Amino acid sequence: MDWETEMQKLQDEQAKLMNEFEIVLPNINRHGDDYAKELRQITEELISNNVSINAMYR
């Protein structure tokens, strides 16, 4: 996979994860642990993708 395709894939994944994050976040106080776990997982994936994106620019 070339650089541009890989970058686009990562950016698309980031957009998808941010949408999920925005859906889960308002529900965290109402539903507790399940949403907190999901939010943590989404956050970890966002961070991982950001690391990958940053590494591609080096």
Protein backbone atom coordinates (compact mmCIF):
# COMPACT_ATOMS: atom_id res chain seq x y z
CA MET A 1 0.00 0.00 0.00
CA ASP A 2 1.42 3.39 -0.92
CA TRP A 3 1.86 6.28 1.51
CA GLU A 4 -1.19 8.27 0.36
CA THR A 5 -3.50 5.27 0.52
CA GLU A 6 -2.27 4.32 3.98
CA MET A 7 -2.65 7.91 5.21
CA GLN A 8 -6.18 8.12 3.83
CA LYS A 9 -7.06 4.82 5.51
CA LEU A 10 -5.78 6.13 8.87
CA GLN A 11 -7.61 9.44 8.47
CA ASP A 12 -10.86 7.63 7.59
CA GLU A 13 -10.46 5.45 10.68
CA GLN A 14 -9.86 8.56 12.80
CA ALA A 15 -13.06 10.16 11.53
CA LYS A 16 -15.03 6.98 12.27
CA LEU A 17 -13.58 6.74 15.78
CA MET A 18 -14.30 10.41 16.52
CA ASN A 19 -17.93 9.89 15.49
CA GLU A 20 -18.17 6.91 17.85
CA PHE A 21 -16.48 8.95 20.60
CA GLU A 22 -19.01 11.75 20.21
CA ILE A 23 -21.88 9.26 20.46
CA VAL A 24 -20.53 7.48 23.54
CA LEU A 25 -19.33 10.49 25.54
CA PRO A 26 -22.76 11.99 26.42
CA ASN A 27 -23.96 8.60 27.66
CA ILE A 28 -21.07 7.95 30.03
CA ASN A 29 -22.74 9.45 33.11
CA ARG A 30 -26.03 7.70 32.50
CA HIS A 31 -24.73 4.22 31.86
CA GLY A 32 -21.45 3.98 33.74
CA ASP A 33 -18.91 1.24 33.23
CA ASP A 34 -19.94 -0.14 29.84
CA TYR A 35 -19.69 3.25 28.20
CA ALA A 36 -16.50 4.08 30.10
CA LYS A 37 -14.87 0.91 28.77
CA GLU A 38 -16.02 1.67 25.24
CA LEU A 39 -14.79 5.25 25.51
CA ARG A 40 -11.40 4.05 26.74
CA GLN A 41 -11.11 1.59 23.85
CA ILE A 42 -12.00 4.28 21.30
CA THR A 43 -9.50 6.67 22.90
CA GLU A 44 -6.74 4.06 22.78
CA GLU A 45 -7.45 3.43 19.08
CA LEU A 46 -7.41 7.18 18.37
CA ILE A 47 -4.04 7.52 20.09
CA SER A 48 -2.63 4.53 18.24
CA ASN A 49 -3.77 5.95 14.90
CA ASN A 50 -2.30 9.35 15.76
CA VAL A 51 1.04 7.71 16.52
CA SER A 52 0.90 5.93 13.16
CA ILE A 53 0.00 9.14 11.32
CA ASN A 54 2.78 11.07 13.03
CA ALA A 55 5.28 8.32 12.20
CA MET A 56 4.34 8.53 8.54
CA TYR A 57 5.24 12.23 8.45
CA ARG A 58 8.76 11.57 9.71
